Amino acid sequence: MGLWTLLEAFLLFANSFAILNEDRFLAPRGWTLIEIRRGERNSLKGQIIGLIHAFHFLRLPLIILNIITIVVKLFSG
């Protein structure tokens, strides 16, 4: 397992969090920023919710990274 494979795995992980729909998937399970209280932000659930919402703001850089990854895979095989 090389560095490139590890970077691809991280990119897939980031993509999976970026495509989660808050209304369809997160809200029925109580995983929205509105539903957690101020004291719960330091809990594990609060940290995961914050991570999911951080990836929502990284959609444009993720698109660029996906394009770069596809181009490199096309040329390198």
PDB file of N, CA and C in Angstrom:
ATOM      1  N   MET A   1       0.856  -1.173   0.000  1.00  0.00           N
ATOM      2  CA  MET A   1       0.000   0.000   0.000  1.00  0.00           C
ATOM      3  C   MET A   1       0.900   1.234   0.000  1.00  0.00           C
ATOM      4  N   GLY A   2       0.783   2.009  -1.024  1.00  0.00           N
ATOM      5  CA  GLY A   2       1.621   3.192  -1.151  1.00  0.00           C
ATOM      6  C   GLY A   2       0.921   4.451  -0.710  1.00  0.00           C
ATOM      7  N   LEU A   3       1.643   5.529  -0.828  1.00  0.00           N
ATOM      8  CA  LEU A   3       1.105   6.835  -0.446  1.00  0.00           C
ATOM      9  C   LEU A   3      -0.060   7.233  -1.351  1.00  0.00           C
ATOM     10  N   TRP A   4       0.049   6.930  -2.636  1.00  0.00           N
ATOM     11  CA  TRP A   4      -1.027   7.279  -3.567  1.00  0.00           C
ATOM     12  C   TRP A   4      -2.324   6.555  -3.216  1.00  0.00           C
ATOM     13  N   THR A   5      -2.221   5.289  -2.841  1.00  0.00           N
ATOM     14  CA  THR A   5      -3.400   4.520  -2.448  1.00  0.00           C
ATOM     15  C   THR A   5      -4.026   5.094  -1.186  1.00  0.00           C
ATOM     16  N   LEU A   6      -3.195   5.511  -0.258  1.00  0.00           N
ATOM     17  CA  LEU A   6      -3.697   6.121   0.967  1.00  0.00           C
ATOM     18  C   LEU A   6      -4.410   7.444   0.678  1.00  0.00           C
ATOM     19  N   LEU A   7      -3.868   8.249  -0.219  1.00  0.00           N
ATOM     20  CA  LEU A   7      -4.518   9.501  -0.614  1.00  0.00           C
ATOM     21  C   LEU A   7      -5.843   9.248  -1.326  1.00  0.00           C
ATOM     22  N   GLU A   8      -5.888   8.219  -2.159  1.00  0.00           N
ATOM     23  CA  GLU A   8      -7.149   7.868  -2.820  1.00  0.00           C
ATOM     24  C   GLU A   8      -8.198   7.421  -1.807  1.00  0.00           C
ATOM     25  N   ALA A   9      -7.780   6.660  -0.811  1.00  0.00           N
ATOM     26  CA  ALA A   9      -8.714   6.217   0.225  1.00  0.00           C
ATOM     27  C   ALA A   9      -9.266   7.409   0.999  1.00  0.00           C
ATOM     28  N   PHE A  10      -8.411   8.385   1.322  1.00  0.00           N
ATOM     29  CA  PHE A  10      -8.879   9.583   2.010  1.00  0.00           C
ATOM     30  C   PHE A  10      -9.845  10.379   1.135  1.00  0.00           C
ATOM     31  N   LEU A  11      -9.562  10.443  -0.160  1.00  0.00           N
ATOM     32  CA  LEU A  11     -10.441  11.155  -1.083  1.00  0.00           C
ATOM     33  C   LEU A  11     -11.818  10.487  -1.155  1.00  0.00           C
ATOM     34  N   LEU A  12     -11.853   9.172  -1.201  1.00  0.00           N
ATOM     35  CA  LEU A  12     -13.129   8.455  -1.199  1.00  0.00           C
ATOM     36  C   LEU A  12     -13.887   8.670   0.109  1.00  0.00           C
ATOM     37  N   PHE A  13     -13.166   8.684   1.217  1.00  0.00           N
ATOM     38  CA  PHE A  13     -13.762   8.939   2.529  1.00  0.00           C
ATOM     39  C   PHE A  13     -14.365  10.339   2.574  1.00  0.00           C
ATOM     40  N   ALA A  14     -13.637  11.320   2.074  1.00  0.00           N
ATOM     41  CA  ALA A  14     -14.126  12.704   2.053  1.00  0.00           C
ATOM     42  C   ALA A  14     -15.334  12.839   1.132  1.00  0.00           C
ATOM     43  N   ASN A  15     -15.302  12.151  -0.002  1.00  0.00           N
ATOM     44  CA  ASN A  15     -16.443  12.185  -0.921  1.00  0.00           C
ATOM     45  C   ASN A  15     -17.692  11.592  -0.277  1.00  0.00           C
ATOM     46  N   SER A  16     -17.523  10.533   0.487  1.00  0.00           N
ATOM     47  CA  SER A  16     -18.685   9.900   1.109  1.00  0.00           C
ATOM     48  C   SER A  16     -19.360  10.825   2.116  1.00  0.00           C
ATOM     49  N   PHE A  17     -18.575  11.607   2.849  1.00  0.00           N
ATOM     50  CA  PHE A  17     -19.175  12.560   3.786  1.00  0.00           C
ATOM     51  C   PHE A  17     -19.757  13.771   3.066  1.00  0.00           C
ATOM     52  N   ALA A  18     -19.169  14.162   1.963  1.00  0.00           N
ATOM     53  CA  ALA A  18     -19.626  15.364   1.256  1.00  0.00           C
ATOM     54  C   ALA A  18     -20.966  15.155   0.578  1.00  0.00           C
ATOM     55  N   ILE A  19     -21.296  13.913   0.215  1.00  0.00           N
ATOM     56  CA  ILE A  19     -22.550  13.690  -0.508  1.00  0.00           C
ATOM     57  C   ILE A  19     -23.729  13.361   0.403  1.00  0.00           C
ATOM     58  N   LEU A  20     -23.496  13.277   1.720  1.00  0.00           N
ATOM     59  CA  LEU A  20     -24.602  12.989   2.625  1.00  0.00           C
ATOM     60  C   LEU A  20     -25.597  14.142   2.609  1.00  0.00           C
ATOM     61  N   ASN A  21     -26.849  13.830   2.387  1.00  0.00           N
ATOM     62  CA  ASN A  21     -27.901  14.833   2.353  1.00  0.00           C
ATOM     63  C   ASN A  21     -28.439  15.028   3.773  1.00  0.00           C
ATOM     64  N   GLU A  22     -28.420  16.260   4.234  1.00  0.00           N
ATOM     65  CA  GLU A  22     -28.842  16.523   5.607  1.00  0.00           C
ATOM     66  C   GLU A  22     -30.333  16.258   5.810  1.00  0.00           C
ATOM     67  N   ASP A  23     -31.156  16.635   4.846  1.00  0.00           N
ATOM     68  CA  ASP A  23     -32.597  16.462   5.011  1.00  0.00           C
ATOM     69  C   ASP A  23     -33.022  14.993   4.926  1.00  0.00           C
ATOM     70  N   ARG A  24     -32.428  14.243   4.038  1.00  0.00           N
ATOM     71  CA  ARG A  24     -32.839  12.853   3.836  1.00  0.00           C
ATOM     72  C   ARG A  24     -32.179  11.866   4.785  1.00  0.00           C
ATOM     73  N   PHE A  25     -30.905  12.076   5.077  1.00  0.00           N
ATOM     74  CA  PHE A  25     -30.174  11.072   5.836  1.00  0.00           C
ATOM     75  C   PHE A  25     -29.861  11.492   7.269  1.00  0.00           C
ATOM     76  N   LEU A  26     -29.406  12.701   7.450  1.00  0.00           N
ATOM     77  CA  LEU A  26     -28.925  13.109   8.764  1.00  0.00           C
ATOM     78  C   LEU A  26     -30.036  13.555   9.713  1.00  0.00           C
ATOM     79  N   ALA A  27     -31.007  14.317   9.225  1.00  0.00           N
ATOM     80  CA  ALA A  27     -32.055  14.862  10.091  1.00  0.00           C
ATOM     81  C   ALA A  27     -32.923  13.783  10.743  1.00  0.00           C
ATOM     82  N   PRO A  28     -33.358  12.746  10.024  1.00  0.00           N
ATOM     83  CA  PRO A  28     -34.170  11.725  10.692  1.00  0.00           C
ATOM     84  C   PRO A  28     -33.422  10.978  11.804  1.00  0.00           C
ATOM     85  N   ARG A  29     -32.118  10.991  11.759  1.00  0.00           N
ATOM     86  CA  ARG A  29     -31.323  10.302  12.771  1.00  0.00           C
ATOM     87  C   ARG A  29     -30.832  11.244  13.865  1.00  0.00           C
ATOM     88  N   GLY A  30     -31.168  12.523  13.788  1.00  0.00           N
ATOM     89  CA  GLY A  30     -30.772  13.491  14.799  1.00  0.00           C
ATOM     90  C   GLY A  30     -29.325  13.929  14.698  1.00  0.00           C
ATOM     91  N   TRP A  31     -28.783  13.965  13.487  1.00  0.00           N
ATOM     92  CA  TRP A  31     -27.374  14.301  13.283  1.00  0.00           C
ATOM     93  C   TRP A  31     -27.220  15.653  12.599  1.00  0.00           C
ATOM     94  N   THR A  32     -27.965  16.663  13.026  1.00  0.00           N
ATOM     95  CA  THR A  32     -27.826  18.001  12.469  1.00  0.00           C
ATOM     96  C   THR A  32     -27.194  18.922  13.507  1.00  0.00           C
ATOM     97  N   LEU A  33     -26.630  20.024  13.037  1.00  0.00           N
ATOM     98  CA  LEU A  33     -26.018  20.982  13.956  1.00  0.00           C
ATOM     99  C   LEU A  33     -27.042  21.643  14.855  1.00  0.00           C
ATOM    100  N   ILE A  34     -28.263  21.767  14.380  1.00  0.00           N
ATOM    101  CA  ILE A  34     -29.314  22.427  15.159  1.00  0.00           C
ATOM    102  C   ILE A  34     -29.709  21.580  16.361  1.00  0.00           C
ATOM    103  N   GLU A  35     -29.699  20.265  16.200  1.00  0.00           N
ATOM    104  CA  GLU A  35     -30.207  19.383  17.248  1.00  0.00           C
ATOM    105  C   GLU A  35     -29.215  19.129  18.383  1.00  0.00           C
ATOM    106  N   ILE A  36     -27.950  19.407  18.160  1.00  0.00           N
ATOM    107  CA  ILE A  36     -27.012  19.209  19.261  1.00  0.00           C
ATOM    108  C   ILE A  36     -26.915  20.487  20.071  1.00  0.00           C
ATOM    109  N   ARG A  37     -26.812  20.326  21.369  1.00  0.00           N
ATOM    110  CA  ARG A  37     -26.719  21.487  22.239  1.00  0.00           C
ATOM    111  C   ARG A  37     -25.275  21.952  22.344  1.00  0.00           C
ATOM    112  N   ARG A  38     -25.094  23.076  22.968  1.00  0.00           N
ATOM    113  CA  ARG A  38     -23.756  23.670  23.091  1.00  0.00           C
ATOM    114  C   ARG A  38     -22.802  22.736  23.830  1.00  0.00           C
ATOM    115  N   GLY A  39     -23.253  22.074  24.853  1.00  0.00           N
ATOM    116  CA  GLY A  39     -22.393  21.198  25.630  1.00  0.00           C
ATOM    117  C   GLY A  39     -22.049  19.900  24.913  1.00  0.00           C
ATOM    118  N   GLU A  40     -22.857  19.522  23.938  1.00  0.00           N
ATOM    119  CA  GLU A  40     -22.638  18.266  23.229  1.00  0.00           C
ATOM    120  C   GLU A  40     -21.665  18.409  22.068  1.00  0.00           C
ATOM    121  N   ARG A  41     -21.173  19.593  21.807  1.00  0.00           N
ATOM    122  CA  ARG A  41     -20.243  19.764  20.680  1.00  0.00           C
ATOM    123  C   ARG A  41     -18.911  19.082  20.935  1.00  0.00           C
ATOM    124  N   ASN A  42     -18.569  18.875  22.177  1.00  0.00           N
ATOM    125  CA  ASN A  42     -17.311  18.211  22.499  1.00  0.00           C
ATOM    126  C   ASN A  42     -17.455  16.701  22.580  1.00  0.00           C
ATOM    127  N   SER A  43     -18.676  16.204  22.470  1.00  0.00           N
ATOM    128  CA  SER A  43     -18.879  14.761  22.504  1.00  0.00           C
ATOM    129  C   SER A  43     -18.472  14.151  21.162  1.00  0.00           C
ATOM    130  N   LEU A  44     -18.413  12.832  21.116  1.00  0.00           N
ATOM    131  CA  LEU A  44     -18.040  12.144  19.882  1.00  0.00           C
ATOM    132  C   LEU A  44     -19.058  12.426  18.774  1.00  0.00           C
ATOM    133  N   LYS A  45     -20.338  12.401  19.124  1.00  0.00           N
ATOM    134  CA  LYS A  45     -21.383  12.689  18.140  1.00  0.00           C
ATOM    135  C   LYS A  45     -21.245  14.110  17.610  1.00  0.00           C
ATOM    136  N   GLY A  46     -20.985  15.056  18.471  1.00  0.00           N
ATOM    137  CA  GLY A  46     -20.816  16.448  18.051  1.00  0.00           C
ATOM    138  C   GLY A  46     -19.608  16.638  17.158  1.00  0.00           C
ATOM    139  N   GLN A  47     -18.528  15.927  17.451  1.00  0.00           N
ATOM    140  CA  GLN A  47     -17.322  16.019  16.629  1.00  0.00           C
ATOM    141  C   GLN A  47     -17.560  15.420  15.242  1.00  0.00           C
ATOM    142  N   ILE A  48     -18.286  14.307  15.174  1.00  0.00           N
ATOM    143  CA  ILE A  48     -18.584  13.680  13.879  1.00  0.00           C
ATOM    144  C   ILE A  48     -19.501  14.577  13.057  1.00  0.00           C
ATOM    145  N   ILE A  49     -20.490  15.187  13.694  1.00  0.00           N
ATOM    146  CA  ILE A  49     -21.391  16.103  12.993  1.00  0.00           C
ATOM    147  C   ILE A  49     -20.605  17.296  12.452  1.00  0.00           C
ATOM    148  N   GLY A  50     -19.695  17.816  13.241  1.00  0.00           N
ATOM    149  CA  GLY A  50     -18.848  18.910  12.776  1.00  0.00           C
ATOM    150  C   GLY A  50     -17.982  18.509  11.601  1.00  0.00           C
ATOM    151  N   LEU A  51     -17.451  17.285  11.628  1.00  0.00           N
ATOM    152  CA  LEU A  51     -16.640  16.779  10.520  1.00  0.00           C
ATOM    153  C   LEU A  51     -17.466  16.645   9.246  1.00  0.00           C
ATOM    154  N   ILE A  52     -18.676  16.133   9.376  1.00  0.00           N
ATOM    155  CA  ILE A  52     -19.556  15.991   8.212  1.00  0.00           C
ATOM    156  C   ILE A  52     -19.856  17.352   7.604  1.00  0.00           C
ATOM    157  N   HIS A  53     -20.146  18.340   8.430  1.00  0.00           N
ATOM    158  CA  HIS A  53     -20.452  19.671   7.916  1.00  0.00           C
ATOM    159  C   HIS A  53     -19.214  20.367   7.359  1.00  0.00           C
ATOM    160  N   ALA A  54     -18.049  20.043   7.867  1.00  0.00           N
ATOM    161  CA  ALA A  54     -16.817  20.603   7.299  1.00  0.00           C
ATOM    162  C   ALA A  54     -16.593  20.079   5.880  1.00  0.00           C
ATOM    163  N   PHE A  55     -16.900  18.816   5.653  1.00  0.00           N
ATOM    164  CA  PHE A  55     -16.746  18.264   4.312  1.00  0.00           C
ATOM    165  C   PHE A  55     -17.769  18.837   3.329  1.00  0.00           C
ATOM    166  N   HIS A  56     -18.903  19.320   3.845  1.00  0.00           N
ATOM    167  CA  HIS A  56     -19.882  19.960   2.963  1.00  0.00           C
ATOM    168  C   HIS A  56     -19.322  21.246   2.371  1.00  0.00           C
ATOM    169  N   PHE A  57     -18.468  21.935   3.112  1.00  0.00           N
ATOM    170  CA  PHE A  57     -17.874  23.173   2.613  1.00  0.00           C
ATOM    171  C   PHE A  57     -16.695  22.917   1.690  1.00  0.00           C
ATOM    172  N   LEU A  58     -16.194  21.700   1.664  1.00  0.00           N
ATOM    173  CA  LEU A  58     -15.041  21.358   0.831  1.00  0.00           C
ATOM    174  C   LEU A  58     -15.434  20.722  -0.500  1.00  0.00           C
ATOM    175  N   ARG A  59     -16.645  20.932  -0.935  1.00  0.00           N
ATOM    176  CA  ARG A  59     -17.099  20.269  -2.165  1.00  0.00           C
ATOM    177  C   ARG A  59     -16.330  20.716  -3.392  1.00  0.00           C
ATOM    178  N   LEU A  60     -16.075  21.998  -3.544  1.00  0.00           N
ATOM    179  CA  LEU A  60     -15.342  22.472  -4.722  1.00  0.00           C
ATOM    180  C   LEU A  60     -13.905  21.944  -4.746  1.00  0.00           C
ATOM    181  N   PRO A  61     -13.148  22.013  -3.648  1.00  0.00           N
ATOM    182  CA  PRO A  61     -11.814  21.399  -3.681  1.00  0.00           C
ATOM    183  C   PRO A  61     -11.865  19.885  -3.926  1.00  0.00           C
ATOM    184  N   LEU A  62     -12.909  19.221  -3.432  1.00  0.00           N
ATOM    185  CA  LEU A  62     -13.041  17.784  -3.682  1.00  0.00           C
ATOM    186  C   LEU A  62     -13.278  17.492  -5.156  1.00  0.00           C
ATOM    187  N   ILE A  63     -14.040  18.325  -5.816  1.00  0.00           N
ATOM    188  CA  ILE A  63     -14.266  18.148  -7.248  1.00  0.00           C
ATOM    189  C   ILE A  63     -12.949  18.278  -8.003  1.00  0.00           C
ATOM    190  N   ILE A  64     -12.157  19.266  -7.640  1.00  0.00           N
ATOM    191  CA  ILE A  64     -10.861  19.471  -8.291  1.00  0.00           C
ATOM    192  C   ILE A  64      -9.930  18.289  -8.023  1.00  0.00           C
ATOM    193  N   LEU A  65      -9.895  17.825  -6.776  1.00  0.00           N
ATOM    194  CA  LEU A  65      -9.056  16.669  -6.444  1.00  0.00           C
ATOM    195  C   LEU A  65      -9.509  15.405  -7.162  1.00  0.00           C
ATOM    196  N   ASN A  66     -10.812  15.241  -7.330  1.00  0.00           N
ATOM    197  CA  ASN A  66     -11.330  14.090  -8.077  1.00  0.00           C
ATOM    198  C   ASN A  66     -10.902  14.145  -9.540  1.00  0.00           C
ATOM    199  N   ILE A  67     -10.957  15.320 -10.126  1.00  0.00           N
ATOM    200  CA  ILE A  67     -10.536  15.470 -11.524  1.00  0.00           C
ATOM    201  C   ILE A  67      -9.052  15.160 -11.665  1.00  0.00           C
ATOM    202  N   ILE A  68      -8.245  15.666 -10.747  1.00  0.00           N
ATOM    203  CA  ILE A  68      -6.807  15.383 -10.789  1.00  0.00           C
ATOM    204  C   ILE A  68      -6.543  13.890 -10.641  1.00  0.00           C
ATOM    205  N   THR A  69      -7.248  13.245  -9.725  1.00  0.00           N
ATOM    206  CA  THR A  69      -7.075  11.810  -9.515  1.00  0.00           C
ATOM    207  C   THR A  69      -7.462  11.015 -10.748  1.00  0.00           C
ATOM    208  N   ILE A  70      -8.547  11.396 -11.402  1.00  0.00           N
ATOM    209  CA  ILE A  70      -8.983  10.695 -12.609  1.00  0.00           C
ATOM    210  C   ILE A  70      -7.965  10.855 -13.720  1.00  0.00           C
ATOM    211  N   VAL A  71      -7.450  12.062 -13.892  1.00  0.00           N
ATOM    212  CA  VAL A  71      -6.454  12.304 -14.946  1.00  0.00           C
ATOM    213  C   VAL A  71      -5.179  11.503 -14.678  1.00  0.00           C
ATOM    214  N   VAL A  72      -4.716  11.497 -13.431  1.00  0.00           N
ATOM    215  CA  VAL A  72      -3.504  10.733 -13.103  1.00  0.00           C
ATOM    216  C   VAL A  72      -3.729   9.247 -13.335  1.00  0.00           C
ATOM    217  N   LYS A  73      -4.898   8.739 -12.966  1.00  0.00           N
ATOM    218  CA  LYS A  73      -5.201   7.321 -13.190  1.00  0.00           C
ATOM    219  C   LYS A  73      -5.294   6.989 -14.673  1.00  0.00           C
ATOM    220  N   LEU A  74      -5.804   7.916 -15.466  1.00  0.00           N
ATOM    221  CA  LEU A  74      -5.882   7.674 -16.908  1.00  0.00           C
ATOM    222  C   LEU A  74      -4.499   7.558 -17.538  1.00  0.00           C
ATOM    223  N   PHE A  75      -3.575   8.390 -17.088  1.00  0.00           N
ATOM    224  CA  PHE A  75      -2.236   8.376 -17.678  1.00  0.00           C
ATOM    225  C   PHE A  75      -1.317   7.311 -17.088  1.00  0.00           C
ATOM    226  N   SER A  76      -1.509   6.998 -15.813  1.00  0.00           N
ATOM    227  CA  SER A  76      -0.608   6.027 -15.183  1.00  0.00           C
ATOM    228  C   SER A  76      -1.116   4.596 -15.235  1.00  0.00           C
ATOM    229  N   GLY A  77      -2.413   4.439 -15.432  1.00  0.00           N
ATOM    230  CA  GLY A  77      -2.943   3.089 -15.570  1.00  0.00           C
ATOM    231  C   GLY A  77      -3.448   2.493 -14.354  1.00  0.00           C
TER     232      GLY A  77
END
